[in-house]
Amino acid sequence: MEYPRLDEALRLERLTPPAGKARMVLDTDTYNEIDDQFAVVQALLSPDKLAVETEHLWKTYTQEAEEVHAVHDVSLTVERGEFTALAGPSG
């Protein structure tokens, strides 16, 4: 497979860090995907404080052949410097 070559100006433009707010989508299945683990560590160790947003977050898993809906349609914003945790009956 051949990939198109980018001219120097376009390549530098795409490599320039964004100014202002940058948005990131993270698949949070960090248990078995090393790239997600690196993304979480990079975000947590960033010298910039991060604001976190989620819209319509769901987490469903299977336990003993039964579907468990751990998180159901949660939307929230955690501003820079705030600490927030979600906890349910299992802790």
C-alpha atoms as a PDB file:
ATOM      1  CA  MET A   1       0.000   0.000   0.000  1.00  0.00           C
ATOM      2  CA  GLU A   2       1.319   3.422  -0.894  1.00  0.00           C
ATOM      3  CA  TYR A   3       0.555   6.421   1.249  1.00  0.00           C
ATOM      4  CA  PRO A   4       0.404   9.910  -0.238  1.00  0.00           C
ATOM      5  CA  ARG A   5       3.379  12.157   0.462  1.00  0.00           C
ATOM      6  CA  LEU A   6       2.679  15.422   2.221  1.00  0.00           C
ATOM      7  CA  ASP A   7       4.510  18.523   1.152  1.00  0.00           C
ATOM      8  CA  GLU A   8       6.728  20.083   3.813  1.00  0.00           C
ATOM      9  CA  ALA A   9       4.398  23.000   4.642  1.00  0.00           C
ATOM     10  CA  LEU A  10       1.350  20.748   5.160  1.00  0.00           C
ATOM     11  CA  ARG A  11       3.375  18.274   7.222  1.00  0.00           C
ATOM     12  CA  LEU A  12       4.633  21.031   9.542  1.00  0.00           C
ATOM     13  CA  GLU A  13       1.137  22.490   9.846  1.00  0.00           C
ATOM     14  CA  ARG A  14      -0.266  19.110  10.928  1.00  0.00           C
ATOM     15  CA  LEU A  15       2.556  18.589  13.445  1.00  0.00           C
ATOM     16  CA  THR A  16       2.102  21.998  15.086  1.00  0.00           C
ATOM     17  CA  PRO A  17       0.592  21.615  18.579  1.00  0.00           C
ATOM     18  CA  PRO A  18      -2.911  23.074  18.782  1.00  0.00           C
ATOM     19  CA  ALA A  19      -3.431  26.473  20.349  1.00  0.00           C
ATOM     20  CA  GLY A  20      -6.095  26.716  22.991  1.00  0.00           C
ATOM     21  CA  LYS A  21      -8.367  23.818  23.786  1.00  0.00           C
ATOM     22  CA  ALA A  22      -7.537  20.432  22.266  1.00  0.00           C
ATOM     23  CA  ARG A  23     -10.071  17.614  22.299  1.00  0.00           C
ATOM     24  CA  MET A  24      -9.144  13.972  22.657  1.00  0.00           C
ATOM     25  CA  VAL A  25     -11.271  10.865  22.371  1.00  0.00           C
ATOM     26  CA  LEU A  26     -10.040   7.968  24.462  1.00  0.00           C
ATOM     27  CA  ASP A  27     -11.329   4.412  24.329  1.00  0.00           C
ATOM     28  CA  THR A  28     -11.067   3.581  28.007  1.00  0.00           C
ATOM     29  CA  ASP A  29     -10.541  -0.174  27.734  1.00  0.00           C
ATOM     30  CA  THR A  30      -7.105   0.194  29.323  1.00  0.00           C
ATOM     31  CA  TYR A  31      -7.142  -3.348  30.656  1.00  0.00           C
ATOM     32  CA  ASN A  32      -5.998  -4.943  27.419  1.00  0.00           C
ATOM     33  CA  GLU A  33      -4.900  -2.190  25.067  1.00  0.00           C
ATOM     34  CA  ILE A  34      -1.415  -0.800  25.643  1.00  0.00           C
ATOM     35  CA  ASP A  35      -2.005   2.271  23.445  1.00  0.00           C
ATOM     36  CA  ASP A  36      -4.865   3.325  25.743  1.00  0.00           C
ATOM     37  CA  GLN A  37      -2.615   2.899  28.779  1.00  0.00           C
ATOM     38  CA  PHE A  38      -0.015   5.185  27.183  1.00  0.00           C
ATOM     39  CA  ALA A  39      -2.694   7.765  26.315  1.00  0.00           C
ATOM     40  CA  VAL A  40      -3.984   7.829  29.901  1.00  0.00           C
ATOM     41  CA  VAL A  41      -0.452   8.209  31.318  1.00  0.00           C
ATOM     42  CA  GLN A  42       0.365  10.985  28.825  1.00  0.00           C
ATOM     43  CA  ALA A  43      -2.818  12.843  29.749  1.00  0.00           C
ATOM     44  CA  LEU A  44      -2.216  12.467  33.496  1.00  0.00           C
ATOM     45  CA  LEU A  45       1.446  13.518  33.312  1.00  0.00           C
ATOM     46  CA  SER A  46       0.817  16.429  30.970  1.00  0.00           C
ATOM     47  CA  PRO A  47       2.194  19.721  32.318  1.00  0.00           C
ATOM     48  CA  ASP A  48      -1.120  21.270  31.322  1.00  0.00           C
ATOM     49  CA  LYS A  49      -4.119  20.735  33.560  1.00  0.00           C
ATOM     50  CA  LEU A  50      -6.819  18.923  31.633  1.00  0.00           C
ATOM     51  CA  ALA A  51     -10.546  19.464  31.567  1.00  0.00           C
ATOM     52  CA  VAL A  52     -12.468  16.230  31.035  1.00  0.00           C
ATOM     53  CA  GLU A  53     -15.836  15.944  29.331  1.00  0.00           C
ATOM     54  CA  THR A  54     -18.042  12.970  28.685  1.00  0.00           C
ATOM     55  CA  GLU A  55     -21.383  12.819  26.941  1.00  0.00           C
ATOM     56  CA  HIS A  56     -23.714   9.838  27.132  1.00  0.00           C
ATOM     57  CA  LEU A  57     -21.119   7.512  28.676  1.00  0.00           C
ATOM     58  CA  TRP A  58     -22.123   3.860  29.054  1.00  0.00           C
ATOM     59  CA  LYS A  59     -20.236   0.940  30.583  1.00  0.00           C
ATOM     60  CA  THR A  60     -21.700  -2.548  30.374  1.00  0.00           C
ATOM     61  CA  TYR A  61     -19.885  -5.725  31.278  1.00  0.00           C
ATOM     62  CA  THR A  62     -20.762  -9.393  31.725  1.00  0.00           C
ATOM     63  CA  GLN A  63     -20.546 -11.058  35.106  1.00  0.00           C
ATOM     64  CA  GLU A  64     -21.526 -14.712  35.474  1.00  0.00           C
ATOM     65  CA  ALA A  65     -23.421 -14.621  32.139  1.00  0.00           C
ATOM     66  CA  GLU A  66     -25.419 -11.570  33.233  1.00  0.00           C
ATOM     67  CA  GLU A  67     -25.086  -8.080  31.721  1.00  0.00           C
ATOM     68  CA  VAL A  68     -24.268  -5.441  34.299  1.00  0.00           C
ATOM     69  CA  HIS A  69     -24.939  -1.803  33.357  1.00  0.00           C
ATOM     70  CA  ALA A  70     -22.331  -0.105  35.539  1.00  0.00           C
ATOM     71  CA  VAL A  71     -22.717   3.364  33.989  1.00  0.00           C
ATOM     72  CA  HIS A  72     -25.881   4.409  32.183  1.00  0.00           C
ATOM     73  CA  ASP A  73     -25.963   7.573  30.035  1.00  0.00           C
ATOM     74  CA  VAL A  74     -23.681   9.761  32.166  1.00  0.00           C
ATOM     75  CA  SER A  75     -22.676  13.225  30.971  1.00  0.00           C
ATOM     76  CA  LEU A  76     -20.340  15.395  33.039  1.00  0.00           C
ATOM     77  CA  THR A  77     -17.540  17.935  32.890  1.00  0.00           C
ATOM     78  CA  VAL A  78     -14.566  18.004  35.238  1.00  0.00           C
ATOM     79  CA  GLU A  79     -12.866  21.378  35.101  1.00  0.00           C
ATOM     80  CA  ARG A  80      -9.123  21.914  35.341  1.00  0.00           C
ATOM     81  CA  GLY A  81      -7.840  21.225  38.841  1.00  0.00           C
ATOM     82  CA  GLU A  82     -11.027  19.466  40.018  1.00  0.00           C
ATOM     83  CA  PHE A  83     -11.086  15.857  41.221  1.00  0.00           C
ATOM     84  CA  THR A  84     -14.154  13.720  40.571  1.00  0.00           C
ATOM     85  CA  ALA A  85     -14.872  10.035  41.073  1.00  0.00           C
ATOM     86  CA  LEU A  86     -17.764   7.807  40.061  1.00  0.00           C
ATOM     87  CA  ALA A  87     -18.611   5.090  42.557  1.00  0.00           C
ATOM     88  CA  GLY A  88     -21.350   2.509  42.592  1.00  0.00           C
ATOM     89  CA  PRO A  89     -22.543  -0.264  44.906  1.00  0.00           C
ATOM     90  CA  SER A  90     -19.408  -2.359  44.276  1.00  0.00           C
ATOM     91  CA  GLY A  91     -17.145   0.545  45.116  1.00  0.00           C
END
